All heavy atoms as atom14 arrays in JSON, in Angstrom:
{
  "sequence": "YARYSLPFNISIFGTKLGTKIVIINSIFAFLGDLF",
  "atom14_mask": [
    [1, 1, 1, 1, 1, 1, 1, 1, 1, 1, 1, 1, 0, 0],
    [1, 1, 1, 1, 1, 0, 0, 0, 0, 0, 0, 0, 0, 0],
    [1, 1, 1, 1, 1, 1, 1, 1, 1, 1, 1, 0, 0, 0],
    [1, 1, 1, 1, 1, 1, 1, 1, 1, 1, 1, 1, 0, 0],
    [1, 1, 1, 1, 1, 1, 0, 0, 0, 0, 0, 0, 0, 0],
    [1, 1, 1, 1, 1, 1, 1, 1, 0, 0, 0, 0, 0, 0],
    [1, 1, 1, 1, 1, 1, 1, 0, 0, 0, 0, 0, 0, 0],
    [1, 1, 1, 1, 1, 1, 1, 1, 1, 1, 1, 0, 0, 0],
    [1, 1, 1, 1, 1, 1, 1, 1, 0, 0, 0, 0, 0, 0],
    [1, 1, 1, 1, 1, 1, 1, 1, 0, 0, 0, 0, 0, 0],
    [1, 1, 1, 1, 1, 1, 0, 0, 0, 0, 0, 0, 0, 0],
    [1, 1, 1, 1, 1, 1, 1, 1, 0, 0, 0, 0, 0, 0],
    [1, 1, 1, 1, 1, 1, 1, 1, 1, 1, 1, 0, 0, 0],
    [1, 1, 1, 1, 0, 0, 0, 0, 0, 0, 0, 0, 0, 0],
    [1, 1, 1, 1, 1, 1, 1, 0, 0, 0, 0, 0, 0, 0],
    [1, 1, 1, 1, 1, 1, 1, 1, 1, 0, 0, 0, 0, 0],
    [1, 1, 1, 1, 1, 1, 1, 1, 0, 0, 0, 0, 0, 0],
    [1, 1, 1, 1, 0, 0, 0, 0, 0, 0, 0, 0, 0, 0],
    [1, 1, 1, 1, 1, 1, 1, 0, 0, 0, 0, 0, 0, 0],
    [1, 1, 1, 1, 1, 1, 1, 1, 1, 0, 0, 0, 0, 0],
    [1, 1, 1, 1, 1, 1, 1, 1, 0, 0, 0, 0, 0, 0],
    [1, 1, 1, 1, 1, 1, 1, 0, 0, 0, 0, 0, 0, 0],
    [1, 1, 1, 1, 1, 1, 1, 1, 0, 0, 0, 0, 0, 0],
    [1, 1, 1, 1, 1, 1, 1, 1, 0, 0, 0, 0, 0, 0],
    [1, 1, 1, 1, 1, 1, 1, 1, 0, 0, 0, 0, 0, 0],
    [1, 1, 1, 1, 1, 1, 0, 0, 0, 0, 0, 0, 0, 0],
    [1, 1, 1, 1, 1, 1, 1, 1, 0, 0, 0, 0, 0, 0],
    [1, 1, 1, 1, 1, 1, 1, 1, 1, 1, 1, 0, 0, 0],
    [1, 1, 1, 1, 1, 0, 0, 0, 0, 0, 0, 0, 0, 0],
    [1, 1, 1, 1, 1, 1, 1, 1, 1, 1, 1, 0, 0, 0],
    [1, 1, 1, 1, 1, 1, 1, 1, 0, 0, 0, 0, 0, 0],
    [1, 1, 1, 1, 0, 0, 0, 0, 0, 0, 0, 0, 0, 0],
    [1, 1, 1, 1, 1, 1, 1, 1, 0, 0, 0, 0, 0, 0],
    [1, 1, 1, 1, 1, 1, 1, 1, 0, 0, 0, 0, 0, 0],
    [1, 1, 1, 1, 1, 1, 1, 1, 1, 1, 1, 0, 0, 0]
  ],
  "atom14_positions": [
    [[74.76, 79.52, 69.56], [75.86, 80.43, 69.28], [77.17, 79.87, 69.81], [78.22, 80.04, 69.19], [75.58, 81.81, 69.88], [74.85, 82.73, 68.94], [73.45, 82.71, 68.87], [75.52, 83.59, 68.1], [72.76, 83.54, 67.99], [74.86, 84.43, 67.23], [73.48, 84.4, 67.18], [72.8, 85.21, 66.3], [0.0, 0.0, 0.0], [0.0, 0.0, 0.0]],
    [[77.09, 79.19, 70.96], [78.3, 78.59, 71.53], [78.79, 77.42, 70.69], [79.98, 77.18, 70.52], [78.04, 78.14, 72.96], [0.0, 0.0, 0.0], [0.0, 0.0, 0.0], [0.0, 0.0, 0.0], [0.0, 0.0, 0.0], [0.0, 0.0, 0.0], [0.0, 0.0, 0.0], [0.0, 0.0, 0.0], [0.0, 0.0, 0.0], [0.0, 0.0, 0.0]],
    [[77.84, 76.66, 70.13], [78.19, 75.46, 69.38], [78.68, 75.76, 67.97], [79.58, 75.1, 67.45], [76.98, 74.53, 69.31], [77.27, 73.16, 68.72], [76.02, 72.32, 68.64], [75.39, 72.15, 69.93], [74.2, 71.57, 70.12], [73.52, 71.14, 69.07], [73.7, 71.44, 71.32], [0.0, 0.0, 0.0], [0.0, 0.0, 0.0], [0.0, 0.0, 0.0]],
    [[78.07, 76.75, 67.33], [78.39, 77.0, 65.92], [79.14, 78.31, 65.68], [80.19, 78.34, 65.06], [77.09, 77.0, 65.09], [76.31, 75.71, 65.22], [75.09, 75.68, 65.9], [76.79, 74.52, 64.69], [74.37, 74.5, 66.03], [76.08, 73.34, 64.8], [74.87, 73.34, 65.48], [74.17, 72.17, 65.61], [0.0, 0.0, 0.0], [0.0, 0.0, 0.0]],
    [[78.59, 79.41, 66.18], [79.17, 80.72, 65.89], [80.5, 80.95, 66.59], [81.42, 81.54, 66.02], [78.19, 81.84, 66.27], [77.02, 81.76, 65.49], [0.0, 0.0, 0.0], [0.0, 0.0, 0.0], [0.0, 0.0, 0.0], [0.0, 0.0, 0.0], [0.0, 0.0, 0.0], [0.0, 0.0, 0.0], [0.0, 0.0, 0.0], [0.0, 0.0, 0.0]],
    [[80.59, 80.51, 67.85], [81.79, 80.76, 68.63], [83.04, 80.14, 68.0], [84.05, 80.84, 67.81], [81.61, 80.28, 70.06], [82.68, 80.74, 71.07], [82.7, 82.26, 71.16], [82.39, 80.14, 72.45], [0.0, 0.0, 0.0], [0.0, 0.0, 0.0], [0.0, 0.0, 0.0], [0.0, 0.0, 0.0], [0.0, 0.0, 0.0], [0.0, 0.0, 0.0]],
    [[83.03, 78.85, 67.65], [84.23, 78.27, 67.01], [84.61, 78.98, 65.71], [85.79, 79.22, 65.45], [83.82, 76.82, 66.75], [82.75, 76.55, 67.74], [81.99, 77.83, 67.86], [0.0, 0.0, 0.0], [0.0, 0.0, 0.0], [0.0, 0.0, 0.0], [0.0, 0.0, 0.0], [0.0, 0.0, 0.0], [0.0, 0.0, 0.0], [0.0, 0.0, 0.0]],
    [[83.59, 79.33, 64.91], [83.86, 79.99, 63.63], [84.47, 81.38, 63.84], [85.5, 81.72, 63.23], [82.56, 80.12, 62.83], [82.69, 80.96, 61.59], [83.33, 80.47, 60.46], [82.19, 82.26, 61.55], [83.46, 81.24, 59.31], [82.31, 83.04, 60.42], [82.95, 82.52, 59.29], [0.0, 0.0, 0.0], [0.0, 0.0, 0.0], [0.0, 0.0, 0.0]],
    [[83.85, 82.18, 64.7], [84.34, 83.55, 64.91], [85.69, 83.59, 65.6], [86.52, 84.45, 65.31], [83.3, 84.35, 65.71], [82.17, 84.86, 64.85], [82.28, 85.86, 64.15], [81.05, 84.14, 64.89], [0.0, 0.0, 0.0], [0.0, 0.0, 0.0], [0.0, 0.0, 0.0], [0.0, 0.0, 0.0], [0.0, 0.0, 0.0], [0.0, 0.0, 0.0]],
    [[85.92, 82.66, 66.52], [87.23, 82.59, 67.18], [88.31, 82.22, 66.17], [89.42, 82.76, 66.19], [87.2, 81.59, 68.35], [86.43, 82.19, 69.53], [88.62, 81.23, 68.79], [86.3, 81.27, 70.72], [0.0, 0.0, 0.0], [0.0, 0.0, 0.0], [0.0, 0.0, 0.0], [0.0, 0.0, 0.0], [0.0, 0.0, 0.0], [0.0, 0.0, 0.0]],
    [[87.98, 81.3, 65.26], [88.95, 80.9, 64.24], [89.25, 82.04, 63.28], [90.34, 82.12, 62.72], [88.43, 79.68, 63.47], [87.27, 80.01, 62.71], [0.0, 0.0, 0.0], [0.0, 0.0, 0.0], [0.0, 0.0, 0.0], [0.0, 0.0, 0.0], [0.0, 0.0, 0.0], [0.0, 0.0, 0.0], [0.0, 0.0, 0.0], [0.0, 0.0, 0.0]],
    [[88.28, 82.93, 63.09], [88.45, 84.05, 62.16], [89.08, 85.26, 62.85], [90.04, 85.85, 62.34], [87.09, 84.47, 61.55], [86.52, 83.36, 60.67], [87.22, 85.76, 60.75], [87.25, 83.14, 59.37], [0.0, 0.0, 0.0], [0.0, 0.0, 0.0], [0.0, 0.0, 0.0], [0.0, 0.0, 0.0], [0.0, 0.0, 0.0], [0.0, 0.0, 0.0]],
    [[88.58, 85.62, 64.03], [88.98, 86.87, 64.67], [89.83, 86.71, 65.92], [90.26, 87.7, 66.5], [87.73, 87.7, 65.02], [86.9, 88.08, 63.84], [85.67, 87.49, 63.62], [87.35, 89.04, 62.95], [84.88, 87.84, 62.53], [86.58, 89.41, 61.85], [85.36, 88.81, 61.64], [0.0, 0.0, 0.0], [0.0, 0.0, 0.0], [0.0, 0.0, 0.0]],
    [[90.04, 85.48, 66.37], [90.77, 85.28, 67.62], [89.81, 85.17, 68.8], [88.62, 85.49, 68.69], [0.0, 0.0, 0.0], [0.0, 0.0, 0.0], [0.0, 0.0, 0.0], [0.0, 0.0, 0.0], [0.0, 0.0, 0.0], [0.0, 0.0, 0.0], [0.0, 0.0, 0.0], [0.0, 0.0, 0.0], [0.0, 0.0, 0.0], [0.0, 0.0, 0.0]],
    [[90.32, 84.73, 69.93], [89.47, 84.43, 71.09], [88.72, 85.65, 71.63], [87.5, 85.62, 71.79], [90.31, 83.81, 72.22], [90.99, 82.66, 71.73], [89.42, 83.42, 73.39], [0.0, 0.0, 0.0], [0.0, 0.0, 0.0], [0.0, 0.0, 0.0], [0.0, 0.0, 0.0], [0.0, 0.0, 0.0], [0.0, 0.0, 0.0], [0.0, 0.0, 0.0]],
    [[89.44, 86.73, 71.91], [88.83, 87.89, 72.54], [87.79, 88.57, 71.65], [86.63, 88.74, 72.05], [89.92, 88.9, 72.93], [89.39, 90.09, 73.71], [90.54, 91.02, 74.1], [90.02, 92.25, 74.85], [91.12, 93.16, 75.22], [0.0, 0.0, 0.0], [0.0, 0.0, 0.0], [0.0, 0.0, 0.0], [0.0, 0.0, 0.0], [0.0, 0.0, 0.0]],
    [[88.2, 88.97, 70.45], [87.29, 89.67, 69.56], [86.19, 88.73, 69.06], [85.02, 89.13, 68.94], [88.05, 90.25, 68.36], [87.21, 91.02, 67.34], [86.49, 92.19, 68.0], [88.09, 91.51, 66.19], [0.0, 0.0, 0.0], [0.0, 0.0, 0.0], [0.0, 0.0, 0.0], [0.0, 0.0, 0.0], [0.0, 0.0, 0.0], [0.0, 0.0, 0.0]],
    [[86.54, 87.47, 68.76], [85.56, 86.5, 68.29], [84.45, 86.29, 69.31], [83.26, 86.24, 68.96], [0.0, 0.0, 0.0], [0.0, 0.0, 0.0], [0.0, 0.0, 0.0], [0.0, 0.0, 0.0], [0.0, 0.0, 0.0], [0.0, 0.0, 0.0], [0.0, 0.0, 0.0], [0.0, 0.0, 0.0], [0.0, 0.0, 0.0], [0.0, 0.0, 0.0]],
    [[84.82, 86.17, 70.59], [83.83, 86.0, 71.66], [82.95, 87.23, 71.8], [81.73, 87.12, 71.97], [84.54, 85.72, 73.01], [85.37, 84.56, 72.88], [83.52, 85.51, 74.11], [0.0, 0.0, 0.0], [0.0, 0.0, 0.0], [0.0, 0.0, 0.0], [0.0, 0.0, 0.0], [0.0, 0.0, 0.0], [0.0, 0.0, 0.0], [0.0, 0.0, 0.0]],
    [[83.55, 88.4, 71.72], [82.8, 89.65, 71.81], [81.78, 89.77, 70.68], [80.63, 90.17, 70.9], [83.77, 90.84, 71.77], [83.11, 92.18, 72.06], [84.1, 93.32, 71.93], [85.2, 93.23, 72.98], [86.09, 94.41, 72.92], [0.0, 0.0, 0.0], [0.0, 0.0, 0.0], [0.0, 0.0, 0.0], [0.0, 0.0, 0.0], [0.0, 0.0, 0.0]],
    [[82.18, 89.4, 69.48], [81.29, 89.46, 68.32], [80.11, 88.5, 68.49], [78.96, 88.84, 68.19], [82.06, 89.13, 67.02], [82.96, 90.33, 66.64], [81.12, 88.79, 65.87], [83.87, 90.06, 65.47], [0.0, 0.0, 0.0], [0.0, 0.0, 0.0], [0.0, 0.0, 0.0], [0.0, 0.0, 0.0], [0.0, 0.0, 0.0], [0.0, 0.0, 0.0]],
    [[80.39, 87.31, 68.99], [79.33, 86.31, 69.19], [78.32, 86.8, 70.23], [77.1, 86.67, 70.04], [79.93, 84.96, 69.63], [78.83, 84.01, 70.1], [80.69, 84.32, 68.47], [0.0, 0.0, 0.0], [0.0, 0.0, 0.0], [0.0, 0.0, 0.0], [0.0, 0.0, 0.0], [0.0, 0.0, 0.0], [0.0, 0.0, 0.0], [0.0, 0.0, 0.0]],
    [[78.8, 87.36, 71.33], [77.92, 87.84, 72.4], [77.01, 88.96, 71.89], [75.79, 88.95, 72.11], [78.74, 88.33, 73.6], [79.44, 87.14, 74.28], [77.85, 89.06, 74.6], [80.4, 87.55, 75.38], [0.0, 0.0, 0.0], [0.0, 0.0, 0.0], [0.0, 0.0, 0.0], [0.0, 0.0, 0.0], [0.0, 0.0, 0.0], [0.0, 0.0, 0.0]],
    [[77.6, 89.92, 71.19], [76.82, 91.06, 70.67], [75.77, 90.59, 69.66], [74.6, 90.99, 69.71], [77.76, 92.1, 70.03], [78.62, 92.76, 71.11], [76.94, 93.17, 69.28], [79.7, 93.67, 70.57], [0.0, 0.0, 0.0], [0.0, 0.0, 0.0], [0.0, 0.0, 0.0], [0.0, 0.0, 0.0], [0.0, 0.0, 0.0], [0.0, 0.0, 0.0]],
    [[76.18, 89.71, 68.76], [75.24, 89.2, 67.75], [74.13, 88.37, 68.38], [72.97, 88.44, 67.95], [75.98, 88.38, 66.7], [76.56, 89.23, 65.59], [75.92, 89.45, 64.57], [77.77, 89.74, 65.79], [0.0, 0.0, 0.0], [0.0, 0.0, 0.0], [0.0, 0.0, 0.0], [0.0, 0.0, 0.0], [0.0, 0.0, 0.0], [0.0, 0.0, 0.0]],
    [[74.46, 87.59, 69.39], [73.46, 86.74, 70.03], [72.41, 87.57, 70.77], [71.23, 87.22, 70.78], [74.12, 85.75, 71.0], [74.75, 86.44, 72.08], [0.0, 0.0, 0.0], [0.0, 0.0, 0.0], [0.0, 0.0, 0.0], [0.0, 0.0, 0.0], [0.0, 0.0, 0.0], [0.0, 0.0, 0.0], [0.0, 0.0, 0.0], [0.0, 0.0, 0.0]],
    [[72.84, 88.67, 71.36], [71.9, 89.55, 72.06], [70.88, 90.13, 71.1], [69.66, 90.12, 71.36], [72.66, 90.68, 72.79], [73.43, 90.1, 73.98], [71.68, 91.76, 73.27], [74.35, 91.1, 74.66], [0.0, 0.0, 0.0], [0.0, 0.0, 0.0], [0.0, 0.0, 0.0], [0.0, 0.0, 0.0], [0.0, 0.0, 0.0], [0.0, 0.0, 0.0]],
    [[71.35, 90.65, 69.97], [70.42, 91.25, 68.99], [69.55, 90.19, 68.32], [68.38, 90.46, 68.0], [71.2, 92.06, 67.96], [71.65, 93.4, 68.45], [72.97, 93.62, 68.84], [70.76, 94.45, 68.56], [73.38, 94.85, 69.3], [71.15, 95.7, 69.03], [72.47, 95.9, 69.4], [0.0, 0.0, 0.0], [0.0, 0.0, 0.0], [0.0, 0.0, 0.0]],
    [[70.09, 89.0, 68.11], [69.29, 87.9, 67.55], [68.19, 87.5, 68.53], [67.05, 87.24, 68.14], [70.19, 86.71, 67.24], [0.0, 0.0, 0.0], [0.0, 0.0, 0.0], [0.0, 0.0, 0.0], [0.0, 0.0, 0.0], [0.0, 0.0, 0.0], [0.0, 0.0, 0.0], [0.0, 0.0, 0.0], [0.0, 0.0, 0.0], [0.0, 0.0, 0.0]],
    [[68.54, 87.45, 69.81], [67.58, 87.12, 70.87], [66.43, 88.14, 70.89], [65.25, 87.76, 70.96], [68.31, 87.1, 72.21], [67.43, 86.82, 73.39], [67.03, 85.53, 73.68], [67.01, 87.85, 74.21], [66.22, 85.27, 74.78], [66.21, 87.6, 75.31], [65.8, 86.31, 75.59], [0.0, 0.0, 0.0], [0.0, 0.0, 0.0], [0.0, 0.0, 0.0]],
    [[66.77, 89.42, 70.82], [65.75, 90.46, 70.82], [64.86, 90.36, 69.59], [63.65, 90.55, 69.67], [66.42, 91.84, 70.88], [67.16, 92.18, 72.18], [67.9, 93.51, 72.03], [66.19, 92.23, 73.35], [0.0, 0.0, 0.0], [0.0, 0.0, 0.0], [0.0, 0.0, 0.0], [0.0, 0.0, 0.0], [0.0, 0.0, 0.0], [0.0, 0.0, 0.0]],
    [[65.47, 90.05, 68.44], [64.71, 89.91, 67.21], [63.72, 88.76, 67.28], [62.56, 88.89, 66.84], [0.0, 0.0, 0.0], [0.0, 0.0, 0.0], [0.0, 0.0, 0.0], [0.0, 0.0, 0.0], [0.0, 0.0, 0.0], [0.0, 0.0, 0.0], [0.0, 0.0, 0.0], [0.0, 0.0, 0.0], [0.0, 0.0, 0.0], [0.0, 0.0, 0.0]],
    [[64.14, 87.62, 67.82], [63.24, 86.47, 67.95], [62.09, 86.76, 68.92], [60.95, 86.37, 68.67], [64.02, 85.24, 68.45], [64.9, 84.65, 67.36], [64.49, 84.69, 66.18], [66.0, 84.16, 67.68], [0.0, 0.0, 0.0], [0.0, 0.0, 0.0], [0.0, 0.0, 0.0], [0.0, 0.0, 0.0], [0.0, 0.0, 0.0], [0.0, 0.0, 0.0]],
    [[62.4, 87.43, 70.02], [61.35, 87.8, 70.98], [60.31, 88.71, 70.34], [59.1, 88.53, 70.53], [61.96, 88.49, 72.19], [62.59, 87.61, 73.27], [63.16, 88.47, 74.38], [61.58, 86.62, 73.83], [0.0, 0.0, 0.0], [0.0, 0.0, 0.0], [0.0, 0.0, 0.0], [0.0, 0.0, 0.0], [0.0, 0.0, 0.0], [0.0, 0.0, 0.0]],
    [[60.77, 89.68, 69.59], [59.85, 90.59, 68.9], [58.99, 89.82, 67.9], [57.79, 90.08, 67.77], [60.64, 91.68, 68.18], [59.76, 92.63, 67.39], [59.08, 93.65, 68.04], [59.62, 92.49, 66.02], [58.27, 94.51, 67.33], [58.8, 93.35, 65.3], [58.13, 94.37, 65.95], [0.0, 0.0, 0.0], [0.0, 0.0, 0.0], [0.0, 0.0, 0.0]]
  ]
}
């Protein structure tokens, strides 16, 4: 997420919101993979 999603989302939404979106998405993706 840091390597791919973060640069993309920051470029689209800006640093603050882009980082927040990446963190939230990564948490739910992590839970999905564990399940």
